[in-house]
Amino acid sequence: MLVSDLPPWLIRASAFVFGALWGSFFNVAIYRWPRGMSVVSPPSHCPACGAPISPWRNIPLLGYVGLRGRAGCCGAVIPIRYPLVELIGAVLSVAITEKALADASSSALLGDALLEALVYFAFAGGLVVATFVDLEWMEIPDEVSLPGTALGLATASVRVWPGPEAAALGAGMGFLMIQLPFVWGYERILGRRGMGEGDSKLLMMIGAFVGWRGALFALAAGALQGVVAAAIVMIGGGSLSTPRRQEPSDDDPNDEDPDDENADDEDVSPGQLKVPFGPFLALAALEYFFWGESLIEWYLSSMRV
């Protein structure tokens, strides 16, 4: 089957539903991974009372609307994050599918284009999970970055871009660009880390998918956008994040580790403004994925004016 054989509306509708379903899984990962829980077992249950969630109440987006934002079992308020993440998953799925089909010729095999879209959707999903975990916990789970890096490198030879060499270089550069100056160097000079290793590993994953140019763009654009956001929040007297204390897992109530290497507790500016960097890396990575080369060309051309 060729790219031109299916009507665009059917592809978009299927991508929307697919992304919303996976958005529901992203919510599970966002809730469970920081707590040391499995995303497989136990089945979906209410965080407030522990009651199992029936399938019809677990339908992405529609379940939240039908329940009017409250759990059907105990009436607890359902955080707005749940439908938001499902909607983000749906929108990203449609956008990535559109880009994959646009990059492929009309005579290309539909399966190849959709497979590439699936790989990049996994990348985007990892960025979504990392963003919301970092916002709440000031840490980025290895369950996102390490498998994500492996997937990016393993699929580099079958993706249209950036190519195996650029992906490998991007992963290495991504990790070292944060790890060397802001983790090892900062700790050696000042006795504490300037950033968490979770940021290094996340940028490593980003580089594995979008190459060294993408990793460099994500670091620069992410830092710029982070500074702007921090300044806005500082003016308003707020905080970008209120990090939670790590909850012990059921298996080991003493497994708290305040010095977790992935925690971003050192991302604190004067005045104790908490600034998780992961969300800005993720945002900049998506910006590069969709518009990166155009943004770079625009910037270079504006510098020549």
Protein backbone atom coordinates (compact mmCIF):
# COMPACT_ATOMS: atom_id res chain seq x y z
CA MET A 1 0.00 0.00 0.00
CA LEU A 2 1.30 3.43 -0.96
CA VAL A 3 1.10 6.71 0.93
CA SER A 4 -1.42 8.02 -1.60
CA ASP A 5 -3.78 5.03 -1.19
CA LEU A 6 -5.44 6.15 2.05
CA PRO A 7 -7.49 9.34 2.47
CA PRO A 8 -5.74 11.92 4.69
CA TRP A 9 -8.72 12.25 7.05
CA LEU A 10 -8.59 8.56 7.91
CA ILE A 11 -4.87 8.72 8.65
CA ARG A 12 -5.32 11.79 10.85
CA ALA A 13 -8.27 10.32 12.76
CA SER A 14 -6.43 7.06 13.35
CA ALA A 15 -3.33 8.94 14.50
CA PHE A 16 -5.40 11.05 16.91
CA VAL A 17 -7.00 8.00 18.54
CA PHE A 18 -3.66 6.18 18.65
CA GLY A 19 -1.94 9.14 20.31
CA ALA A 20 -4.72 9.62 22.87
CA LEU A 21 -4.54 5.93 23.85
CA TRP A 22 -0.80 6.16 24.34
CA GLY A 23 -1.30 9.42 26.21
CA SER A 24 -3.19 7.37 28.78
CA PHE A 25 -0.11 5.16 29.15
CA PHE A 26 2.11 8.23 29.47
CA ASN A 27 -0.03 9.24 32.46
CA VAL A 28 0.59 5.86 34.06
CA ALA A 29 4.35 6.24 33.57
CA ILE A 30 4.33 9.82 34.88
CA TYR A 31 2.59 8.70 38.06
CA ARG A 32 4.33 5.38 38.68
CA TRP A 33 7.97 5.66 37.59
CA PRO A 34 8.97 8.34 40.13
CA ARG A 35 7.36 6.20 42.84
CA GLY A 36 9.31 3.10 41.85
CA MET A 37 6.17 1.30 40.65
CA SER A 38 5.67 -0.97 37.66
CA VAL A 39 3.67 0.38 34.73
CA VAL A 40 2.28 -3.11 34.11
CA SER A 41 1.07 -4.25 37.51
CA PRO A 42 -1.24 -3.59 39.25
CA PRO A 43 -3.89 -2.66 36.65
CA SER A 44 -5.28 0.87 36.48
CA HIS A 45 -6.62 1.96 39.84
CA CYS A 46 -7.70 5.16 41.57
CA PRO A 47 -4.72 6.83 43.27
CA ALA A 48 -7.04 8.23 45.95
CA CYS A 49 -8.85 5.09 47.13
CA GLY A 50 -7.15 2.26 45.24
CA ALA A 51 -10.33 0.99 43.56
CA PRO A 52 -9.91 -0.56 40.08
CA ILE A 53 -10.90 1.70 37.19
CA SER A 54 -13.42 0.15 34.82
CA PRO A 55 -12.48 0.24 31.11
CA TRP A 56 -15.29 2.58 30.07
CA ARG A 57 -14.15 5.13 32.64
CA ASN A 58 -10.61 4.86 31.35
CA ILE A 59 -11.35 5.98 27.77
CA PRO A 60 -8.89 8.81 26.95
CA LEU A 61 -10.40 12.31 27.04
CA LEU A 62 -14.01 11.05 26.96
CA GLY A 63 -13.66 9.36 30.34
CA TYR A 64 -12.62 12.63 31.99
CA VAL A 65 -15.47 14.53 30.35
CA GLY A 66 -18.02 11.85 31.24
CA LEU A 67 -16.90 11.81 34.87
CA ARG A 68 -16.84 15.62 35.01
CA GLY A 69 -13.31 15.58 36.35
CA ARG A 70 -14.03 13.40 39.38
CA ALA A 71 -13.28 9.76 40.10
CA GLY A 72 -16.34 7.54 39.72
CA CYS A 73 -15.39 5.42 42.73
CA CYS A 74 -14.75 7.99 45.46
CA GLY A 75 -15.40 11.38 43.93
CA ALA A 76 -11.79 12.54 44.21
CA VAL A 77 -10.80 15.33 41.81
CA ILE A 78 -8.93 14.00 38.75
CA PRO A 79 -5.91 16.22 38.05
CA ILE A 80 -6.18 18.17 34.81
CA ARG A 81 -2.84 16.64 33.82
CA TYR A 82 -4.58 13.43 32.79
CA PRO A 83 -6.70 14.78 29.91
CA LEU A 84 -3.95 17.29 29.06
CA VAL A 85 -1.35 14.56 28.53
CA GLU A 86 -3.84 12.50 26.52
CA LEU A 87 -4.56 15.52 24.30
CA ILE A 88 -0.86 16.25 23.89
CA GLY A 89 -0.28 12.62 22.89
CA ALA A 90 -3.07 12.83 20.31
CA VAL A 91 -1.86 16.13 18.82
CA LEU A 92 1.75 14.96 18.66
CA SER A 93 0.71 11.73 16.99
CA VAL A 94 -1.18 13.61 14.27
CA ALA A 95 1.65 16.13 13.77
CA ILE A 96 4.37 13.46 13.58
CA THR A 97 2.30 11.34 11.18
CA GLU A 98 1.70 14.37 8.97
CA LYS A 99 5.43 15.13 8.92
CA ALA A 100 6.37 11.52 8.13
CA LEU A 101 3.92 11.36 5.24
CA ALA A 102 4.94 14.79 3.98
CA ASP A 103 8.61 13.77 3.99
CA ALA A 104 7.78 10.61 2.05
CA SER A 105 6.84 10.71 -1.63
CA SER A 106 3.32 9.74 -2.68
CA SER A 107 4.74 6.58 -4.23
CA ALA A 108 6.50 5.51 -1.02
CA LEU A 109 5.23 2.54 0.95
CA LEU A 110 2.73 3.57 3.60
CA GLY A 111 4.11 1.02 6.05
CA ASP A 112 7.61 2.49 5.92
CA ALA A 113 6.34 6.02 6.52
CA LEU A 114 4.13 4.93 9.42
CA LEU A 115 6.96 2.92 10.97
CA GLU A 116 9.14 6.01 10.99
CA ALA A 117 6.27 8.00 12.48
CA LEU A 118 5.90 5.36 15.19
CA VAL A 119 9.58 5.61 16.14
CA TYR A 120 9.43 9.40 16.38
CA PHE A 121 6.19 9.21 18.35
CA ALA A 122 8.00 7.03 20.89
CA PHE A 123 10.65 9.76 21.07
CA ALA A 124 8.03 12.46 21.58
CA GLY A 125 6.24 10.35 24.18
CA GLY A 126 9.45 10.02 26.14
CA LEU A 127 9.83 13.80 26.08
CA VAL A 128 6.27 14.22 27.38
CA VAL A 129 6.84 11.80 30.27
CA ALA A 130 10.19 13.41 31.12
CA THR A 131 8.60 16.87 31.10
CA PHE A 132 5.78 16.13 33.53
CA VAL A 133 7.91 14.03 35.87
CA ASP A 134 10.56 16.75 35.99
CA LEU A 135 7.97 19.44 36.66
CA GLU A 136 6.61 17.53 39.65
CA TRP A 137 9.66 15.71 41.00
CA MET A 138 12.66 17.64 39.66
CA GLU A 139 14.10 14.46 38.18
CA ILE A 140 14.07 12.63 34.86
CA PRO A 141 13.57 8.85 35.00
CA ASP A 142 16.18 6.58 33.45
CA GLU A 143 13.23 4.53 32.18
CA VAL A 144 12.77 7.31 29.61
CA SER A 145 16.30 8.33 28.67
CA LEU A 146 18.22 5.05 28.49
CA PRO A 147 15.74 2.95 26.45
CA GLY A 148 15.02 6.07 24.38
CA THR A 149 18.70 6.48 23.53
CA ALA A 150 18.96 2.80 22.60
CA LEU A 151 15.90 3.09 20.35
CA GLY A 152 17.25 6.22 18.66
CA LEU A 153 20.60 4.60 17.89
CA ALA A 154 19.10 1.25 16.85
CA THR A 155 16.72 2.85 14.34
CA ALA A 156 19.10 5.50 12.98
CA SER A 157 19.99 3.42 9.91
CA VAL A 158 16.34 2.98 8.86
CA ARG A 159 15.19 6.55 9.45
CA VAL A 160 15.38 9.27 6.83
CA TRP A 161 17.49 11.48 9.08
CA PRO A 162 19.87 12.27 10.73
CA GLY A 163 21.79 9.06 9.85
CA PRO A 164 23.74 6.62 12.05
CA GLU A 165 26.90 8.74 12.36
CA ALA A 166 25.03 11.92 13.26
CA ALA A 167 22.84 10.01 15.73
CA ALA A 168 25.84 8.46 17.50
CA LEU A 169 27.67 11.79 17.58
CA GLY A 170 24.52 13.52 18.78
CA ALA A 171 24.07 11.07 21.65
CA GLY A 172 27.67 11.45 22.76
CA MET A 173 27.72 15.22 22.42
CA GLY A 174 24.33 15.55 24.08
CA PHE A 175 25.50 13.71 27.17
CA LEU A 176 28.89 15.41 27.47
CA MET A 177 27.67 18.96 26.78
CA ILE A 178 25.82 18.89 30.10
CA GLN A 179 27.74 16.25 32.01
CA LEU A 180 31.22 17.75 31.63
CA PRO A 181 30.63 21.41 32.59
CA PHE A 182 27.47 21.32 34.70
CA VAL A 183 27.82 18.03 36.58
CA TRP A 184 31.48 16.95 36.83
CA GLY A 185 33.09 20.37 36.35
CA TYR A 186 30.62 22.24 38.56
CA GLU A 187 30.99 19.65 41.32
CA ARG A 188 34.77 19.74 41.17
CA ILE A 189 34.95 23.54 41.37
CA LEU A 190 32.05 24.37 43.70
CA GLY A 191 31.50 21.09 45.52
CA ARG A 192 27.98 20.58 44.23
CA ARG A 193 26.32 19.80 40.94
CA GLY A 194 24.95 22.56 38.78
CA MET A 195 22.50 20.20 37.05
CA GLY A 196 21.32 16.65 37.48
CA GLU A 197 22.54 13.73 35.41
CA GLY A 198 18.96 13.24 34.28
CA ASP A 199 19.37 16.28 32.02
CA SER A 200 22.57 14.82 30.53
CA LYS A 201 20.84 11.54 29.75
CA LEU A 202 17.78 13.28 28.31
CA LEU A 203 19.93 15.34 25.94
CA MET A 204 21.74 12.12 25.03
CA MET A 205 18.39 10.64 23.97
CA ILE A 206 17.54 13.80 22.04
CA GLY A 207 20.85 13.64 20.17
CA ALA A 208 20.27 9.98 19.29
CA PHE A 209 17.07 10.97 17.49
CA VAL A 210 17.86 14.37 15.95
CA GLY A 211 21.66 14.29 15.69
CA TRP A 212 24.34 16.59 17.00
CA ARG A 213 22.82 19.69 15.42
CA GLY A 214 19.54 18.93 17.14
CA ALA A 215 21.25 18.31 20.48
CA LEU A 216 23.12 21.61 20.22
CA PHE A 217 19.92 23.42 19.24
CA ALA A 218 17.99 21.83 22.13
CA LEU A 219 20.63 22.89 24.64
CA ALA A 220 20.87 26.48 23.38
CA ALA A 221 17.17 27.06 22.72
CA GLY A 222 16.16 25.19 25.88
CA ALA A 223 18.48 27.35 27.99
CA LEU A 224 17.19 30.54 26.39
CA GLN A 225 13.54 29.60 26.87
CA GLY A 226 14.27 28.44 30.42
CA VAL A 227 15.84 31.79 31.31
CA VAL A 228 12.85 33.66 29.86
CA ALA A 229 10.36 31.47 31.74
CA ALA A 230 12.33 31.77 34.98
CA ALA A 231 12.45 35.55 34.65
CA ILE A 232 8.70 35.75 34.08
CA VAL A 233 7.99 33.52 37.07
CA MET A 234 10.49 35.39 39.25
CA ILE A 235 8.79 38.69 38.43
CA GLY A 236 5.49 37.13 39.41
CA GLY A 237 6.97 35.80 42.65
CA GLY A 238 6.19 32.16 41.84
CA SER A 239 8.11 28.96 41.22
CA LEU A 240 8.34 26.83 38.11
CA SER A 241 8.35 23.67 40.20
CA THR A 242 7.64 22.50 43.70
CA PRO A 243 9.70 19.31 43.90
CA ARG A 244 8.14 16.48 45.84
CA ARG A 245 10.02 14.36 48.32
CA GLN A 246 10.63 10.92 46.85
CA GLU A 247 8.03 8.49 48.15
CA PRO A 248 9.27 5.07 49.26
CA SER A 249 8.22 2.11 47.15
CA ASP A 250 6.10 -0.70 48.54
CA ASP A 251 9.03 -3.11 48.24
CA ASP A 252 11.44 -1.08 50.35
CA PRO A 253 10.15 1.70 52.60
CA ASN A 254 13.71 2.85 53.16
CA ASP A 255 14.72 3.24 49.53
CA GLU A 256 14.76 7.06 49.58
CA ASP A 257 17.94 8.52 48.16
CA PRO A 258 18.28 12.28 48.60
CA ASP A 259 21.41 12.23 46.45
CA ASP A 260 19.74 10.54 43.47
CA GLU A 261 22.01 11.19 40.50
CA ASN A 262 19.02 11.94 38.28
CA ALA A 263 17.51 14.51 40.62
CA ASP A 264 17.76 18.09 39.46
CA ASP A 265 17.82 19.62 42.95
CA GLU A 266 20.82 21.72 41.97
CA ASP A 267 18.87 23.55 39.28
CA VAL A 268 18.28 26.45 41.65
CA SER A 269 18.94 30.07 40.88
CA PRO A 270 19.53 32.83 43.46
CA GLY A 271 16.45 33.22 45.61
CA GLN A 272 15.79 29.45 45.52
CA LEU A 273 13.77 29.59 42.31
CA LYS A 274 13.36 25.98 41.22
CA VAL A 275 14.00 25.58 37.51
CA PRO A 276 13.60 22.08 36.03
CA PHE A 277 15.55 22.08 32.76
CA GLY A 278 14.06 18.91 31.28
CA PRO A 279 10.82 20.52 30.04
CA PHE A 280 12.79 23.18 28.14
CA LEU A 281 15.10 20.59 26.59
CA ALA A 282 12.03 18.61 25.52
CA LEU A 283 10.29 21.66 24.07
CA ALA A 284 13.38 22.73 22.13
CA ALA A 285 13.87 19.18 20.84
CA LEU A 286 10.34 19.15 19.44
CA GLU A 287 10.87 22.60 17.95
CA TYR A 288 13.94 21.31 16.15
CA PHE A 289 12.17 18.15 15.02
CA PHE A 290 9.36 20.08 13.36
CA TRP A 291 11.02 23.36 12.33
CA GLY A 292 14.69 23.15 13.32
CA GLU A 293 16.44 23.71 10.02
CA SER A 294 14.05 26.52 9.10
CA LEU A 295 14.64 28.17 12.48
CA ILE A 296 18.41 27.89 12.08
CA GLU A 297 18.28 29.34 8.56
CA TRP A 298 16.08 32.20 9.79
CA TYR A 299 18.46 32.95 12.64
CA LEU A 300 21.56 32.89 10.42
CA SER A 301 19.91 35.07 7.80
CA SER A 302 18.81 37.58 10.45
CA MET A 303 22.37 37.75 11.76
CA ARG A 304 23.57 38.72 8.28
CA VAL A 305 21.19 41.62 7.99
